[in-house]
Amino acid sequence: ARRAAGAEPPPVIRAALDATERWITQPTDEHRRVAMRTAEAAQFSTPAGCAALAVYFSGGSIAPVDSPPVPAPEFVCAKAIAGAVIAAAVSPDPAQAPDRFRAFVAQGLDVVDKLQLWG
């Protein structure tokens, strides 16, 4: 999503990207809920909006703070992540999507390797 946003993304896109990255490094419920607000502002049709939406659906309750907890529907986080990757790969030039998908897979594998998730 950050790559698709370009060097100088509009403020609402930058806010969604920043909120997503903030939650990745500090996965608190407050940061998760901020990500949802920034996702709405960035719009769910953008890679940044989809990424921030995925953060919101990653865990915790999707109900208002003072309400009984409501879990996110199954697989909705994964679907939002897929939406972010697909939208990032096809914009702004769909003809470059195959190369971008390969680059995104390589980037994902690099991140997994660095984090040693399956070590």
N, C-alpha and C. Protein backbone atom coordinates (compact mmCIF):
# COMPACT_ATOMS: atom_id res chain seq x y z
N ALA A 1 0.82 -1.19 0.00
CA ALA A 1 0.00 0.00 0.00
C ALA A 1 0.87 1.26 0.00
N ARG A 2 1.97 1.20 0.75
CA ARG A 2 2.87 2.37 0.79
C ARG A 2 3.48 2.59 -0.59
N ARG A 3 3.92 1.54 -1.26
CA ARG A 3 4.49 1.69 -2.61
C ARG A 3 3.48 2.29 -3.58
N ALA A 4 2.25 1.84 -3.51
CA ALA A 4 1.21 2.33 -4.43
C ALA A 4 0.87 3.78 -4.16
N ALA A 5 1.11 4.26 -2.96
CA ALA A 5 0.75 5.63 -2.60
C ALA A 5 1.68 6.66 -3.21
N GLY A 6 2.89 6.25 -3.60
CA GLY A 6 3.84 7.20 -4.18
C GLY A 6 4.59 7.97 -3.12
N ALA A 7 5.45 8.84 -3.61
CA ALA A 7 6.35 9.59 -2.71
C ALA A 7 5.61 10.61 -1.85
N GLU A 8 4.60 11.23 -2.38
CA GLU A 8 3.85 12.27 -1.66
C GLU A 8 2.35 11.97 -1.70
N PRO A 9 1.89 10.99 -0.92
CA PRO A 9 0.46 10.67 -0.95
C PRO A 9 -0.39 11.77 -0.34
N PRO A 10 -1.64 11.84 -0.74
CA PRO A 10 -2.56 12.81 -0.11
C PRO A 10 -2.63 12.55 1.40
N PRO A 11 -2.95 13.57 2.18
CA PRO A 11 -2.97 13.42 3.64
C PRO A 11 -3.83 12.26 4.16
N VAL A 12 -4.99 12.00 3.56
CA VAL A 12 -5.83 10.90 4.06
C VAL A 12 -5.19 9.54 3.80
N ILE A 13 -4.48 9.41 2.70
CA ILE A 13 -3.77 8.17 2.39
C ILE A 13 -2.58 8.01 3.33
N ARG A 14 -1.84 9.06 3.53
CA ARG A 14 -0.70 9.03 4.44
C ARG A 14 -1.17 8.66 5.86
N ALA A 15 -2.29 9.21 6.29
CA ALA A 15 -2.81 8.92 7.63
C ALA A 15 -3.16 7.44 7.77
N ALA A 16 -3.77 6.86 6.74
CA ALA A 16 -4.12 5.43 6.79
C ALA A 16 -2.86 4.56 6.82
N LEU A 17 -1.87 4.92 6.02
CA LEU A 17 -0.61 4.18 6.02
C LEU A 17 0.09 4.29 7.37
N ASP A 18 0.12 5.49 7.91
CA ASP A 18 0.77 5.71 9.21
C ASP A 18 0.05 4.94 10.32
N ALA A 19 -1.29 4.94 10.28
CA ALA A 19 -2.06 4.23 11.30
C ALA A 19 -1.82 2.72 11.20
N THR A 20 -1.73 2.22 9.99
CA THR A 20 -1.46 0.79 9.79
C THR A 20 -0.09 0.43 10.35
N GLU A 21 0.91 1.21 10.01
CA GLU A 21 2.26 0.94 10.49
C GLU A 21 2.37 1.11 12.01
N ARG A 22 1.64 2.08 12.55
CA ARG A 22 1.66 2.28 14.00
C ARG A 22 1.09 1.04 14.70
N TRP A 23 -0.01 0.50 14.16
CA TRP A 23 -0.60 -0.69 14.77
C TRP A 23 0.36 -1.89 14.65
N ILE A 24 1.06 -2.00 13.53
CA ILE A 24 2.00 -3.12 13.35
C ILE A 24 3.07 -3.10 14.44
N THR A 25 3.56 -1.91 14.75
CA THR A 25 4.62 -1.82 15.77
C THR A 25 4.07 -1.75 17.18
N GLN A 26 2.83 -1.28 17.32
CA GLN A 26 2.19 -1.16 18.64
C GLN A 26 0.73 -1.60 18.51
N PRO A 27 0.48 -2.92 18.52
CA PRO A 27 -0.87 -3.42 18.25
C PRO A 27 -1.84 -3.27 19.42
N THR A 28 -2.23 -2.04 19.70
CA THR A 28 -3.19 -1.78 20.77
C THR A 28 -4.59 -1.63 20.17
N ASP A 29 -5.60 -1.78 21.03
CA ASP A 29 -6.97 -1.60 20.55
C ASP A 29 -7.20 -0.16 20.10
N GLU A 30 -6.61 0.79 20.79
CA GLU A 30 -6.75 2.19 20.39
C GLU A 30 -6.19 2.41 18.99
N HIS A 31 -5.01 1.87 18.71
CA HIS A 31 -4.42 2.02 17.38
C HIS A 31 -5.25 1.30 16.32
N ARG A 32 -5.84 0.17 16.69
CA ARG A 32 -6.70 -0.58 15.77
C ARG A 32 -7.93 0.25 15.40
N ARG A 33 -8.51 0.91 16.37
CA ARG A 33 -9.70 1.71 16.10
C ARG A 33 -9.36 2.99 15.32
N VAL A 34 -8.21 3.57 15.57
CA VAL A 34 -7.75 4.72 14.77
C VAL A 34 -7.57 4.29 13.32
N ALA A 35 -7.04 3.10 13.12
CA ALA A 35 -6.85 2.59 11.76
C ALA A 35 -8.19 2.54 11.01
N MET A 36 -9.25 2.15 11.69
CA MET A 36 -10.56 2.10 11.03
C MET A 36 -11.01 3.50 10.60
N ARG A 37 -10.83 4.47 11.47
CA ARG A 37 -11.23 5.84 11.10
C ARG A 37 -10.43 6.34 9.90
N THR A 38 -9.15 6.01 9.86
CA THR A 38 -8.33 6.45 8.73
C THR A 38 -8.67 5.66 7.47
N ALA A 39 -9.07 4.39 7.64
CA ALA A 39 -9.49 3.58 6.49
C ALA A 39 -10.72 4.19 5.83
N GLU A 40 -11.67 4.60 6.66
CA GLU A 40 -12.89 5.22 6.12
C GLU A 40 -12.55 6.50 5.36
N ALA A 41 -11.66 7.31 5.91
CA ALA A 41 -11.29 8.57 5.26
C ALA A 41 -10.54 8.32 3.95
N ALA A 42 -9.69 7.30 3.93
CA ALA A 42 -8.90 6.99 2.72
C ALA A 42 -9.75 6.28 1.67
N GLN A 43 -10.84 5.72 2.08
CA GLN A 43 -11.79 4.94 1.28
C GLN A 43 -11.28 3.51 1.10
N PHE A 44 -12.21 2.60 1.17
CA PHE A 44 -11.88 1.18 1.11
C PHE A 44 -11.47 0.74 -0.29
N SER A 45 -11.61 1.59 -1.27
CA SER A 45 -11.20 1.25 -2.64
C SER A 45 -9.72 1.51 -2.88
N THR A 46 -9.03 2.08 -1.90
CA THR A 46 -7.60 2.37 -2.05
C THR A 46 -6.77 1.30 -1.34
N PRO A 47 -5.54 1.07 -1.79
CA PRO A 47 -4.69 0.12 -1.07
C PRO A 47 -4.49 0.52 0.40
N ALA A 48 -4.29 1.80 0.67
CA ALA A 48 -4.09 2.26 2.05
C ALA A 48 -5.35 2.05 2.88
N GLY A 49 -6.50 2.33 2.30
CA GLY A 49 -7.76 2.12 3.01
C GLY A 49 -7.99 0.65 3.32
N CYS A 50 -7.69 -0.22 2.37
CA CYS A 50 -7.83 -1.67 2.59
C CYS A 50 -6.87 -2.16 3.67
N ALA A 51 -5.64 -1.67 3.65
CA ALA A 51 -4.66 -2.09 4.65
C ALA A 51 -5.11 -1.68 6.05
N ALA A 52 -5.58 -0.45 6.19
CA ALA A 52 -6.04 0.02 7.50
C ALA A 52 -7.31 -0.72 7.92
N LEU A 53 -8.16 -1.06 6.97
CA LEU A 53 -9.36 -1.84 7.27
C LEU A 53 -8.97 -3.23 7.78
N ALA A 54 -7.96 -3.83 7.18
CA ALA A 54 -7.48 -5.14 7.64
C ALA A 54 -7.02 -5.07 9.09
N VAL A 55 -6.35 -3.99 9.45
CA VAL A 55 -5.93 -3.80 10.84
C VAL A 55 -7.14 -3.85 11.76
N TYR A 56 -8.18 -3.14 11.41
CA TYR A 56 -9.37 -3.08 12.26
C TYR A 56 -9.98 -4.46 12.47
N PHE A 57 -10.02 -5.26 11.41
CA PHE A 57 -10.63 -6.58 11.49
C PHE A 57 -9.67 -7.68 11.96
N SER A 58 -8.47 -7.30 12.38
CA SER A 58 -7.45 -8.28 12.76
C SER A 58 -7.70 -8.94 14.11
N GLY A 59 -8.52 -8.37 14.92
CA GLY A 59 -8.81 -8.93 16.25
C GLY A 59 -9.51 -7.90 17.09
N GLY A 60 -9.95 -8.29 18.23
CA GLY A 60 -10.69 -7.35 19.07
C GLY A 60 -12.12 -7.23 18.61
N SER A 61 -12.87 -6.43 19.30
CA SER A 61 -14.28 -6.26 18.99
C SER A 61 -14.49 -5.19 17.93
N ILE A 62 -15.47 -5.44 17.07
CA ILE A 62 -15.82 -4.42 16.07
C ILE A 62 -17.02 -3.59 16.53
N ALA A 63 -17.51 -3.86 17.73
CA ALA A 63 -18.59 -3.07 18.31
C ALA A 63 -18.00 -1.79 18.91
N PRO A 64 -18.85 -0.79 19.15
CA PRO A 64 -18.36 0.41 19.84
C PRO A 64 -17.72 0.03 21.18
N VAL A 65 -16.85 0.88 21.65
CA VAL A 65 -16.04 0.60 22.84
C VAL A 65 -16.87 0.19 24.05
N ASP A 66 -17.97 0.85 24.31
CA ASP A 66 -18.76 0.57 25.51
C ASP A 66 -19.86 -0.46 25.30
N SER A 67 -19.77 -1.23 24.23
CA SER A 67 -20.78 -2.24 23.92
C SER A 67 -20.22 -3.64 24.16
N PRO A 68 -21.12 -4.62 24.25
CA PRO A 68 -20.63 -6.00 24.36
C PRO A 68 -19.76 -6.33 23.13
N PRO A 69 -18.73 -7.15 23.32
CA PRO A 69 -17.82 -7.45 22.22
C PRO A 69 -18.50 -8.21 21.07
N VAL A 70 -18.09 -7.85 19.87
CA VAL A 70 -18.56 -8.51 18.65
C VAL A 70 -17.32 -8.84 17.82
N PRO A 71 -17.07 -10.13 17.56
CA PRO A 71 -15.88 -10.46 16.77
C PRO A 71 -16.09 -10.12 15.31
N ALA A 72 -15.00 -9.91 14.62
CA ALA A 72 -15.06 -9.66 13.17
C ALA A 72 -15.50 -10.93 12.47
N PRO A 73 -16.20 -10.79 11.34
CA PRO A 73 -16.55 -11.99 10.58
C PRO A 73 -15.28 -12.75 10.15
N GLU A 74 -15.42 -14.05 10.05
CA GLU A 74 -14.29 -14.89 9.69
C GLU A 74 -13.72 -14.50 8.32
N PHE A 75 -12.43 -14.45 8.23
CA PHE A 75 -11.65 -14.21 7.01
C PHE A 75 -11.74 -12.78 6.47
N VAL A 76 -12.46 -11.88 7.13
CA VAL A 76 -12.59 -10.52 6.59
C VAL A 76 -11.25 -9.78 6.62
N CYS A 77 -10.41 -10.04 7.61
CA CYS A 77 -9.09 -9.42 7.66
C CYS A 77 -8.27 -9.86 6.45
N ALA A 78 -8.25 -11.15 6.19
CA ALA A 78 -7.49 -11.68 5.05
C ALA A 78 -8.02 -11.11 3.73
N LYS A 79 -9.32 -10.96 3.63
CA LYS A 79 -9.91 -10.40 2.40
C LYS A 79 -9.50 -8.94 2.21
N ALA A 80 -9.44 -8.19 3.29
CA ALA A 80 -9.01 -6.79 3.19
C ALA A 80 -7.54 -6.70 2.80
N ILE A 81 -6.71 -7.60 3.35
CA ILE A 81 -5.30 -7.63 2.96
C ILE A 81 -5.18 -7.95 1.48
N ALA A 82 -5.91 -8.95 1.03
CA ALA A 82 -5.89 -9.29 -0.41
C ALA A 82 -6.32 -8.10 -1.25
N GLY A 83 -7.34 -7.39 -0.80
CA GLY A 83 -7.79 -6.20 -1.52
C GLY A 83 -6.70 -5.15 -1.62
N ALA A 84 -5.97 -4.96 -0.53
CA ALA A 84 -4.88 -3.98 -0.54
C ALA A 84 -3.80 -4.37 -1.53
N VAL A 85 -3.43 -5.65 -1.52
CA VAL A 85 -2.37 -6.12 -2.43
C VAL A 85 -2.82 -6.02 -3.88
N ILE A 86 -4.03 -6.45 -4.17
CA ILE A 86 -4.53 -6.40 -5.54
C ILE A 86 -4.64 -4.96 -6.02
N ALA A 87 -5.22 -4.10 -5.20
CA ALA A 87 -5.37 -2.69 -5.59
C ALA A 87 -4.01 -2.04 -5.81
N ALA A 88 -3.04 -2.36 -4.96
CA ALA A 88 -1.70 -1.80 -5.12
C ALA A 88 -1.03 -2.31 -6.38
N ALA A 89 -1.27 -3.57 -6.73
CA ALA A 89 -0.63 -4.15 -7.91
C ALA A 89 -1.18 -3.58 -9.22
N VAL A 90 -2.46 -3.28 -9.25
CA VAL A 90 -3.06 -2.83 -10.51
C VAL A 90 -3.06 -1.32 -10.71
N SER A 91 -2.73 -0.55 -9.66
CA SER A 91 -2.74 0.89 -9.85
C SER A 91 -1.33 1.44 -9.88
N PRO A 92 -1.04 2.39 -10.68
CA PRO A 92 -1.96 3.03 -11.61
C PRO A 92 -2.01 2.34 -12.99
N ASP A 93 -1.15 1.34 -13.24
CA ASP A 93 -1.08 0.71 -14.56
C ASP A 93 -1.29 -0.79 -14.43
N PRO A 94 -2.49 -1.28 -14.75
CA PRO A 94 -2.77 -2.71 -14.63
C PRO A 94 -1.82 -3.61 -15.42
N ALA A 95 -1.23 -3.10 -16.49
CA ALA A 95 -0.31 -3.91 -17.29
C ALA A 95 0.94 -4.29 -16.48
N GLN A 96 1.25 -3.53 -15.46
CA GLN A 96 2.42 -3.83 -14.63
C GLN A 96 2.10 -4.74 -13.45
N ALA A 97 0.85 -5.17 -13.34
CA ALA A 97 0.42 -5.98 -12.20
C ALA A 97 1.24 -7.26 -12.02
N PRO A 98 1.52 -8.03 -13.07
CA PRO A 98 2.30 -9.26 -12.84
C PRO A 98 3.66 -8.99 -12.19
N ASP A 99 4.36 -7.98 -12.65
CA ASP A 99 5.65 -7.64 -12.05
C ASP A 99 5.49 -7.16 -10.61
N ARG A 100 4.44 -6.40 -10.37
CA ARG A 100 4.20 -5.91 -9.01
C ARG A 100 3.84 -7.04 -8.06
N PHE A 101 3.02 -7.98 -8.54
CA PHE A 101 2.68 -9.13 -7.68
C PHE A 101 3.95 -9.89 -7.29
N ARG A 102 4.84 -10.11 -8.24
CA ARG A 102 6.10 -10.80 -7.94
C ARG A 102 6.91 -10.01 -6.91
N ALA A 103 6.97 -8.70 -7.09
CA ALA A 103 7.71 -7.85 -6.14
C ALA A 103 7.08 -7.90 -4.76
N PHE A 104 5.75 -7.91 -4.69
CA PHE A 104 5.07 -7.95 -3.40
C PHE A 104 5.31 -9.29 -2.70
N VAL A 105 5.29 -10.38 -3.46
CA VAL A 105 5.56 -11.69 -2.87
C VAL A 105 6.99 -11.73 -2.32
N ALA A 106 7.94 -11.21 -3.10
CA ALA A 106 9.33 -11.17 -2.65
C ALA A 106 9.46 -10.33 -1.39
N GLN A 107 8.77 -9.19 -1.36
CA GLN A 107 8.81 -8.33 -0.18
C GLN A 107 8.21 -9.05 1.02
N GLY A 108 7.10 -9.73 0.83
CA GLY A 108 6.47 -10.45 1.93
C GLY A 108 7.35 -11.55 2.48
N LEU A 109 8.00 -12.28 1.59
CA LEU A 109 8.91 -13.34 2.03
C LEU A 109 10.11 -12.75 2.78
N ASP A 110 10.58 -11.61 2.34
CA ASP A 110 11.68 -10.94 3.02
C ASP A 110 11.28 -10.53 4.44
N VAL A 111 10.08 -10.00 4.57
CA VAL A 111 9.58 -9.60 5.90
C VAL A 111 9.46 -10.83 6.80
N VAL A 112 8.88 -11.89 6.28
CA VAL A 112 8.72 -13.12 7.07
C VAL A 112 10.08 -13.64 7.51
N ASP A 113 11.05 -13.59 6.59
CA ASP A 113 12.41 -14.05 6.92
C ASP A 113 13.01 -13.19 8.03
N LYS A 114 12.85 -11.88 7.93
CA LYS A 114 13.42 -10.99 8.94
C LYS A 114 12.75 -11.16 10.30
N LEU A 115 11.45 -11.41 10.30
CA LEU A 115 10.72 -11.56 11.56
C LEU A 115 10.85 -12.96 12.15
N GLN A 116 11.35 -13.91 11.36
CA GLN A 116 11.52 -15.28 11.82
C GLN A 116 10.23 -15.85 12.40
N LEU A 117 9.14 -15.68 11.65
CA LEU A 117 7.85 -16.15 12.14
C LEU A 117 7.77 -17.67 12.20
N TRP A 118 8.45 -18.33 11.29
CA TRP A 118 8.42 -19.80 11.26
C TRP A 118 9.84 -20.32 11.35
N GLY A 119 10.52 -19.95 12.40
CA GLY A 119 11.92 -20.23 12.50
C GLY A 119 12.32 -21.49 13.07
